Amino acid sequence: MQKYTYIADVNEKRLTLTINNATAVVPLYQVFTNGRLVGCLLKEKMEDNLIWSGTTLLIQELAPELGDFIRRTDEFSF
């Protein structure tokens, strides 16, 4: 399972987020910090646009930033 590591600035603090790739079993990207699940990230296709949303307030606020990071990482990795 592929994992992404992202450092986010939240309320003037740095959070290290570990993001598990979505799978057929779990279609959401699970986001962890310090080993705790803090929410999930969902990729949705709206017409020709890709929309990222989150299941918690923290992840919802970071969704566009995290989604862009995942997209850029995938472009350079695969």
C-alpha atoms as a PDB file:
ATOM      1  CA  MET A   1       0.000   0.000   0.000  1.00  0.00           C
ATOM      2  CA  GLN A   2       1.376   3.371  -1.017  1.00  0.00           C
ATOM      3  CA  LYS A   3       1.592   6.055   1.640  1.00  0.00           C
ATOM      4  CA  TYR A   4       2.148   9.764   1.293  1.00  0.00           C
ATOM      5  CA  THR A   5       3.765  11.971   3.930  1.00  0.00           C
ATOM      6  CA  TYR A   6       2.791  15.636   4.032  1.00  0.00           C
ATOM      7  CA  ILE A   7       3.718  18.392   6.466  1.00  0.00           C
ATOM      8  CA  ALA A   8       0.905  20.897   6.933  1.00  0.00           C
ATOM      9  CA  ASP A   9       0.831  24.194   8.803  1.00  0.00           C
ATOM     10  CA  VAL A  10      -2.274  24.226  10.981  1.00  0.00           C
ATOM     11  CA  ASN A  11      -2.899  26.981  13.546  1.00  0.00           C
ATOM     12  CA  GLU A  12       0.780  27.954  13.486  1.00  0.00           C
ATOM     13  CA  LYS A  13       1.794  24.338  14.215  1.00  0.00           C
ATOM     14  CA  ARG A  14       3.341  21.803  11.880  1.00  0.00           C
ATOM     15  CA  LEU A  15       1.495  18.520  11.541  1.00  0.00           C
ATOM     16  CA  THR A  16       3.039  15.515   9.864  1.00  0.00           C
ATOM     17  CA  LEU A  17       0.260  13.715   8.033  1.00  0.00           C
ATOM     18  CA  THR A  18       0.499  10.177   6.730  1.00  0.00           C
ATOM     19  CA  ILE A  19      -1.993   9.481   3.970  1.00  0.00           C
ATOM     20  CA  ASN A  20      -2.882   5.927   2.982  1.00  0.00           C
ATOM     21  CA  ASN A  21      -3.790   5.485  -0.671  1.00  0.00           C
ATOM     22  CA  ALA A  22      -7.408   4.667  -1.504  1.00  0.00           C
ATOM     23  CA  THR A  23      -8.084   1.016  -2.361  1.00  0.00           C
ATOM     24  CA  ALA A  24     -10.964  -1.021  -3.717  1.00  0.00           C
ATOM     25  CA  VAL A  25     -11.774  -2.051  -0.135  1.00  0.00           C
ATOM     26  CA  VAL A  26     -11.408   1.454   1.346  1.00  0.00           C
ATOM     27  CA  PRO A  27     -12.192   4.013  -1.407  1.00  0.00           C
ATOM     28  CA  LEU A  28     -11.087   6.940   0.785  1.00  0.00           C
ATOM     29  CA  TYR A  29      -7.594   8.222   1.464  1.00  0.00           C
ATOM     30  CA  GLN A  30      -7.164   7.738   5.221  1.00  0.00           C
ATOM     31  CA  VAL A  31      -5.227  10.565   6.910  1.00  0.00           C
ATOM     32  CA  PHE A  32      -3.285   9.973  10.130  1.00  0.00           C
ATOM     33  CA  THR A  33      -1.158  12.083  12.447  1.00  0.00           C
ATOM     34  CA  ASN A  34       0.802  10.556  15.308  1.00  0.00           C
ATOM     35  CA  GLY A  35      -0.802   7.191  14.502  1.00  0.00           C
ATOM     36  CA  ARG A  36      -4.353   8.526  14.953  1.00  0.00           C
ATOM     37  CA  LEU A  37      -6.917   8.722  12.174  1.00  0.00           C
ATOM     38  CA  VAL A  38      -7.868  12.390  11.785  1.00  0.00           C
ATOM     39  CA  GLY A  39     -10.157  12.024   8.785  1.00  0.00           C
ATOM     40  CA  CYS A  40     -10.468  10.800   5.252  1.00  0.00           C
ATOM     41  CA  LEU A  41      -9.944  12.454   1.904  1.00  0.00           C
ATOM     42  CA  LEU A  42     -12.282  11.771  -1.002  1.00  0.00           C
ATOM     43  CA  LYS A  43     -11.560  12.358  -4.687  1.00  0.00           C
ATOM     44  CA  GLU A  44     -14.648  13.109  -6.782  1.00  0.00           C
ATOM     45  CA  LYS A  45     -14.971  13.734 -10.500  1.00  0.00           C
ATOM     46  CA  MET A  46     -17.314  16.642 -11.307  1.00  0.00           C
ATOM     47  CA  GLU A  47     -17.640  17.027 -15.074  1.00  0.00           C
ATOM     48  CA  ASP A  48     -14.020  17.557 -16.173  1.00  0.00           C
ATOM     49  CA  ASN A  49     -12.794  18.769 -12.780  1.00  0.00           C
ATOM     50  CA  LEU A  50     -11.363  16.819  -9.874  1.00  0.00           C
ATOM     51  CA  ILE A  51     -12.807  17.866  -6.508  1.00  0.00           C
ATOM     52  CA  TRP A  52     -11.246  16.858  -3.185  1.00  0.00           C
ATOM     53  CA  SER A  53     -13.263  16.846   0.024  1.00  0.00           C
ATOM     54  CA  GLY A  54     -12.726  15.711   3.601  1.00  0.00           C
ATOM     55  CA  THR A  55     -14.735  13.895   6.232  1.00  0.00           C
ATOM     56  CA  THR A  56     -13.622  16.130   9.118  1.00  0.00           C
ATOM     57  CA  LEU A  57     -13.202  19.888   9.426  1.00  0.00           C
ATOM     58  CA  LEU A  58      -9.393  19.590   9.464  1.00  0.00           C
ATOM     59  CA  ILE A  59      -9.255  17.455   6.335  1.00  0.00           C
ATOM     60  CA  GLN A  60     -11.958  19.504   4.597  1.00  0.00           C
ATOM     61  CA  GLU A  61      -9.846  22.635   5.078  1.00  0.00           C
ATOM     62  CA  LEU A  62      -6.716  20.866   3.809  1.00  0.00           C
ATOM     63  CA  ALA A  63      -8.455  18.910   1.011  1.00  0.00           C
ATOM     64  CA  PRO A  64      -7.428  21.087  -1.979  1.00  0.00           C
ATOM     65  CA  GLU A  65      -3.830  21.292  -0.721  1.00  0.00           C
ATOM     66  CA  LEU A  66      -3.608  17.544   0.009  1.00  0.00           C
ATOM     67  CA  GLY A  67      -5.282  16.644  -3.268  1.00  0.00           C
ATOM     68  CA  ASP A  68      -2.838  18.785  -5.226  1.00  0.00           C
ATOM     69  CA  PHE A  69       0.071  17.189  -3.343  1.00  0.00           C
ATOM     70  CA  ILE A  70      -1.187  13.664  -4.152  1.00  0.00           C
ATOM     71  CA  ARG A  71      -1.702  14.568  -7.819  1.00  0.00           C
ATOM     72  CA  ARG A  72       1.787  16.062  -8.160  1.00  0.00           C
ATOM     73  CA  THR A  73       3.407  13.143  -6.323  1.00  0.00           C
ATOM     74  CA  ASP A  74       1.643  10.615  -8.537  1.00  0.00           C
ATOM     75  CA  GLU A  75       2.695  12.475 -11.696  1.00  0.00           C
ATOM     76  CA  PHE A  76       6.371  12.269 -10.748  1.00  0.00           C
ATOM     77  CA  SER A  77       6.292   8.773  -9.236  1.00  0.00           C
ATOM     78  CA  PHE A  78       4.493   6.765 -11.886  1.00  0.00           C
END
